[in-house]
Amino acid sequence: MRFAARPTGASHRRERGRLLAALTLAWSATLGAGGYEFVPPDAETLRDPVRSGVMYFGSVRDENGQYVAGVTVTLDAGNTSFVAVTNFMGRYRIRYIPMEIDPKQIQLQCTKIDYVQVQLIKRPPLSTTISPIQADCVLRRAA
């Protein structure tokens, strides 16, 4: 794909259309029917000690099954914490949790004003290699 300094006219619309198509394809590749899908890291990422590690992902719903946006998801690993906020679809993703942190030692908490966490569903990784860990929360409105 070639970009001019300031594309105009038909060529600009064509380039913009190609870019939007590429972005849409990239977005749809990471979203599945049930939410986020794991996309394996490329070889360069695996070699980079700063960017390698375990990924946690999941969703937050209320007791009626509706997704809850704006929930703070905290992974507490002793003296280190990792934080994310759910998007408008109630989903979150936290990447690059260092491999030396044992997943069994990580405490996960979902918090939002006027809500109480009532359930945490944590699914173990599929393998001992770099594999994502899914953790979903269920919240109830506080009385």
C-alpha atoms as a PDB file:
ATOM      1  CA  MET A   1       0.000   0.000   0.000  1.00  0.00           C
ATOM      2  CA  ARG A   2       1.459   3.371  -1.062  1.00  0.00           C
ATOM      3  CA  PHE A   3       0.520   6.665   0.568  1.00  0.00           C
ATOM      4  CA  ALA A   4       1.047  10.063  -1.006  1.00  0.00           C
ATOM      5  CA  ALA A   5       1.902  13.121   1.076  1.00  0.00           C
ATOM      6  CA  ARG A   6      -1.688  14.378   0.891  1.00  0.00           C
ATOM      7  CA  PRO A   7      -3.896  12.063  -1.149  1.00  0.00           C
ATOM      8  CA  THR A   8      -6.909  13.680  -2.756  1.00  0.00           C
ATOM      9  CA  GLY A   9      -9.864  12.653  -4.859  1.00  0.00           C
ATOM     10  CA  ALA A  10     -10.522   9.084  -5.961  1.00  0.00           C
ATOM     11  CA  SER A  11      -7.110   7.778  -4.893  1.00  0.00           C
ATOM     12  CA  HIS A  12      -7.689   9.087  -1.360  1.00  0.00           C
ATOM     13  CA  ARG A  13     -11.093   7.389  -1.128  1.00  0.00           C
ATOM     14  CA  ARG A  14      -9.627   4.145  -2.476  1.00  0.00           C
ATOM     15  CA  GLU A  15      -6.716   4.166   0.026  1.00  0.00           C
ATOM     16  CA  ARG A  16      -9.064   5.062   2.892  1.00  0.00           C
ATOM     17  CA  GLY A  17     -11.364   2.200   1.879  1.00  0.00           C
ATOM     18  CA  ARG A  18      -8.447  -0.266   1.853  1.00  0.00           C
ATOM     19  CA  LEU A  19      -7.312   0.917   5.262  1.00  0.00           C
ATOM     20  CA  LEU A  20     -10.806   0.613   6.741  1.00  0.00           C
ATOM     21  CA  ALA A  21     -11.176  -2.873   5.251  1.00  0.00           C
ATOM     22  CA  ALA A  22      -7.842  -3.943   6.763  1.00  0.00           C
ATOM     23  CA  LEU A  23      -8.778  -2.537  10.180  1.00  0.00           C
ATOM     24  CA  THR A  24     -12.199  -4.212  10.069  1.00  0.00           C
ATOM     25  CA  LEU A  25     -10.618  -7.529   9.165  1.00  0.00           C
ATOM     26  CA  ALA A  26      -8.073  -7.212  11.997  1.00  0.00           C
ATOM     27  CA  TRP A  27     -10.821  -6.334  14.507  1.00  0.00           C
ATOM     28  CA  SER A  28     -13.087  -9.209  13.451  1.00  0.00           C
ATOM     29  CA  ALA A  29     -10.163 -11.636  13.733  1.00  0.00           C
ATOM     30  CA  THR A  30      -9.792 -10.818  17.442  1.00  0.00           C
ATOM     31  CA  LEU A  31     -13.498 -10.869  18.285  1.00  0.00           C
ATOM     32  CA  GLY A  32     -15.354 -14.152  18.179  1.00  0.00           C
ATOM     33  CA  ALA A  33     -18.989 -15.031  18.701  1.00  0.00           C
ATOM     34  CA  GLY A  34     -18.467 -15.392  22.457  1.00  0.00           C
ATOM     35  CA  GLY A  35     -16.058 -12.496  22.942  1.00  0.00           C
ATOM     36  CA  TYR A  36     -12.310 -12.361  22.749  1.00  0.00           C
ATOM     37  CA  GLU A  37     -10.448 -15.145  21.033  1.00  0.00           C
ATOM     38  CA  PHE A  38      -6.855 -15.939  21.856  1.00  0.00           C
ATOM     39  CA  VAL A  39      -4.498 -14.897  19.103  1.00  0.00           C
ATOM     40  CA  PRO A  40      -1.096 -16.555  19.689  1.00  0.00           C
ATOM     41  CA  PRO A  41       1.765 -14.097  20.019  1.00  0.00           C
ATOM     42  CA  ASP A  42       4.197 -13.897  17.164  1.00  0.00           C
ATOM     43  CA  ALA A  43       7.776 -15.173  17.516  1.00  0.00           C
ATOM     44  CA  GLU A  44       9.198 -11.677  18.035  1.00  0.00           C
ATOM     45  CA  THR A  45       6.909 -11.064  21.008  1.00  0.00           C
ATOM     46  CA  LEU A  46       7.890 -14.395  22.558  1.00  0.00           C
ATOM     47  CA  ARG A  47      11.584 -13.445  22.350  1.00  0.00           C
ATOM     48  CA  ASP A  48      10.985 -10.064  24.001  1.00  0.00           C
ATOM     49  CA  PRO A  49      11.205 -10.590  27.799  1.00  0.00           C
ATOM     50  CA  VAL A  50       9.296  -7.382  28.472  1.00  0.00           C
ATOM     51  CA  ARG A  51       6.310  -8.303  26.292  1.00  0.00           C
ATOM     52  CA  SER A  52       6.085 -12.040  26.939  1.00  0.00           C
ATOM     53  CA  GLY A  53       3.882 -13.533  29.618  1.00  0.00           C
ATOM     54  CA  VAL A  54       0.438 -14.823  30.381  1.00  0.00           C
ATOM     55  CA  MET A  55      -2.752 -13.093  29.301  1.00  0.00           C
ATOM     56  CA  TYR A  56      -5.910 -12.919  31.416  1.00  0.00           C
ATOM     57  CA  PHE A  57      -9.177 -12.138  29.692  1.00  0.00           C
ATOM     58  CA  GLY A  58     -12.869 -12.426  30.385  1.00  0.00           C
ATOM     59  CA  SER A  59     -16.141 -10.629  30.862  1.00  0.00           C
ATOM     60  CA  VAL A  60     -18.221  -9.135  33.636  1.00  0.00           C
ATOM     61  CA  ARG A  61     -21.984  -9.630  33.765  1.00  0.00           C
ATOM     62  CA  ASP A  62     -24.747  -8.895  36.197  1.00  0.00           C
ATOM     63  CA  GLU A  63     -27.023 -11.583  37.619  1.00  0.00           C
ATOM     64  CA  ASN A  64     -29.390 -11.168  34.658  1.00  0.00           C
ATOM     65  CA  GLY A  65     -26.611 -11.974  32.200  1.00  0.00           C
ATOM     66  CA  GLN A  66     -26.200  -8.398  30.958  1.00  0.00           C
ATOM     67  CA  TYR A  67     -22.649  -7.198  30.358  1.00  0.00           C
ATOM     68  CA  VAL A  68     -21.428  -4.475  32.724  1.00  0.00           C
ATOM     69  CA  ALA A  69     -19.147  -1.757  31.340  1.00  0.00           C
ATOM     70  CA  GLY A  70     -16.712   0.314  33.384  1.00  0.00           C
ATOM     71  CA  VAL A  71     -15.855  -2.408  35.904  1.00  0.00           C
ATOM     72  CA  THR A  72     -12.353  -2.284  37.390  1.00  0.00           C
ATOM     73  CA  VAL A  73     -10.711  -5.709  37.181  1.00  0.00           C
ATOM     74  CA  THR A  74      -7.700  -6.109  39.472  1.00  0.00           C
ATOM     75  CA  LEU A  75      -5.230  -8.991  39.443  1.00  0.00           C
ATOM     76  CA  ASP A  76      -3.320  -8.979  42.739  1.00  0.00           C
ATOM     77  CA  ALA A  77      -0.109 -10.997  42.719  1.00  0.00           C
ATOM     78  CA  GLY A  78       1.301 -10.191  46.149  1.00  0.00           C
ATOM     79  CA  ASN A  79       3.430  -7.059  45.763  1.00  0.00           C
ATOM     80  CA  THR A  80       2.344  -6.443  42.154  1.00  0.00           C
ATOM     81  CA  SER A  81      -1.098  -5.567  40.802  1.00  0.00           C
ATOM     82  CA  PHE A  82      -2.438  -5.399  37.259  1.00  0.00           C
ATOM     83  CA  VAL A  83      -5.575  -3.389  36.466  1.00  0.00           C
ATOM     84  CA  ALA A  84      -7.984  -3.173  33.524  1.00  0.00           C
ATOM     85  CA  VAL A  85     -11.414  -1.640  32.956  1.00  0.00           C
ATOM     86  CA  THR A  86     -14.146  -3.446  31.035  1.00  0.00           C
ATOM     87  CA  ASN A  87     -15.169  -1.985  27.691  1.00  0.00           C
ATOM     88  CA  PHE A  88     -18.727  -1.231  26.564  1.00  0.00           C
ATOM     89  CA  MET A  89     -19.261  -4.970  25.981  1.00  0.00           C
ATOM     90  CA  GLY A  90     -18.197  -5.865  29.536  1.00  0.00           C
ATOM     91  CA  ARG A  91     -14.921  -7.443  28.395  1.00  0.00           C
ATOM     92  CA  TYR A  92     -11.366  -6.952  29.576  1.00  0.00           C
ATOM     93  CA  ARG A  93      -7.895  -8.176  28.696  1.00  0.00           C
ATOM     94  CA  ILE A  94      -4.672  -7.941  30.720  1.00  0.00           C
ATOM     95  CA  ARG A  95      -1.528  -8.956  28.866  1.00  0.00           C
ATOM     96  CA  TYR A  96       2.056  -9.696  29.764  1.00  0.00           C
ATOM     97  CA  ILE A  97       1.659 -11.072  33.295  1.00  0.00           C
ATOM     98  CA  PRO A  98       5.222 -12.293  33.984  1.00  0.00           C
ATOM     99  CA  MET A  99       5.718 -16.038  33.658  1.00  0.00           C
ATOM    100  CA  GLU A 100       7.363 -16.277  37.091  1.00  0.00           C
ATOM    101  CA  ILE A 101       4.089 -15.315  38.810  1.00  0.00           C
ATOM    102  CA  ASP A 102       2.176 -18.481  39.682  1.00  0.00           C
ATOM    103  CA  PRO A 103      -1.447 -18.202  38.416  1.00  0.00           C
ATOM    104  CA  LYS A 104      -2.628 -19.987  41.580  1.00  0.00           C
ATOM    105  CA  GLN A 105      -1.299 -17.096  43.677  1.00  0.00           C
ATOM    106  CA  ILE A 106      -3.168 -14.406  41.737  1.00  0.00           C
ATOM    107  CA  GLN A 107      -6.319 -13.004  43.344  1.00  0.00           C
ATOM    108  CA  LEU A 108      -8.818 -11.470  40.916  1.00  0.00           C
ATOM    109  CA  GLN A 109     -11.401  -8.899  41.948  1.00  0.00           C
ATOM    110  CA  CYS A 110     -14.078  -7.043  39.966  1.00  0.00           C
ATOM    111  CA  THR A 111     -15.347  -3.773  41.435  1.00  0.00           C
ATOM    112  CA  LYS A 112     -17.791  -1.052  40.443  1.00  0.00           C
ATOM    113  CA  ILE A 113     -19.705   1.499  42.462  1.00  0.00           C
ATOM    114  CA  ASP A 114     -23.175   0.209  43.469  1.00  0.00           C
ATOM    115  CA  TYR A 115     -22.213  -3.412  42.641  1.00  0.00           C
ATOM    116  CA  VAL A 116     -21.004  -6.381  44.686  1.00  0.00           C
ATOM    117  CA  GLN A 117     -19.047  -9.309  43.244  1.00  0.00           C
ATOM    118  CA  VAL A 118     -21.015 -12.523  43.807  1.00  0.00           C
ATOM    119  CA  GLN A 119     -19.138 -15.032  41.658  1.00  0.00           C
ATOM    120  CA  LEU A 120     -15.765 -15.550  39.998  1.00  0.00           C
ATOM    121  CA  ILE A 121     -15.362 -18.206  37.333  1.00  0.00           C
ATOM    122  CA  LYS A 122     -11.685 -18.869  36.621  1.00  0.00           C
ATOM    123  CA  ARG A 123     -10.818 -21.355  33.915  1.00  0.00           C
ATOM    124  CA  PRO A 124      -7.303 -22.841  34.084  1.00  0.00           C
ATOM    125  CA  PRO A 125      -4.954 -22.548  31.112  1.00  0.00           C
ATOM    126  CA  LEU A 126      -5.193 -25.255  28.467  1.00  0.00           C
ATOM    127  CA  SER A 127      -1.497 -26.067  28.609  1.00  0.00           C
ATOM    128  CA  THR A 128       1.670 -25.277  30.521  1.00  0.00           C
ATOM    129  CA  THR A 129       3.004 -23.105  27.699  1.00  0.00           C
ATOM    130  CA  ILE A 130       1.901 -19.515  27.204  1.00  0.00           C
ATOM    131  CA  SER A 131      -1.844 -19.976  27.289  1.00  0.00           C
ATOM    132  CA  PRO A 132      -4.496 -17.401  28.164  1.00  0.00           C
ATOM    133  CA  ILE A 133      -6.469 -17.684  31.386  1.00  0.00           C
ATOM    134  CA  GLN A 134     -10.146 -16.790  31.289  1.00  0.00           C
ATOM    135  CA  ALA A 135     -11.732 -15.294  34.380  1.00  0.00           C
ATOM    136  CA  ASP A 136     -15.333 -14.064  34.367  1.00  0.00           C
ATOM    137  CA  CYS A 137     -17.122 -12.156  37.129  1.00  0.00           C
ATOM    138  CA  VAL A 138     -20.778 -11.919  38.073  1.00  0.00           C
ATOM    139  CA  LEU A 139     -21.924  -8.771  39.910  1.00  0.00           C
ATOM    140  CA  ARG A 140     -25.111  -7.885  41.789  1.00  0.00           C
ATOM    141  CA  ARG A 141     -26.468  -4.391  42.334  1.00  0.00           C
ATOM    142  CA  ALA A 142     -25.970  -3.347  45.952  1.00  0.00           C
ATOM    143  CA  ALA A 143     -29.139  -2.741  47.915  1.00  0.00           C
END
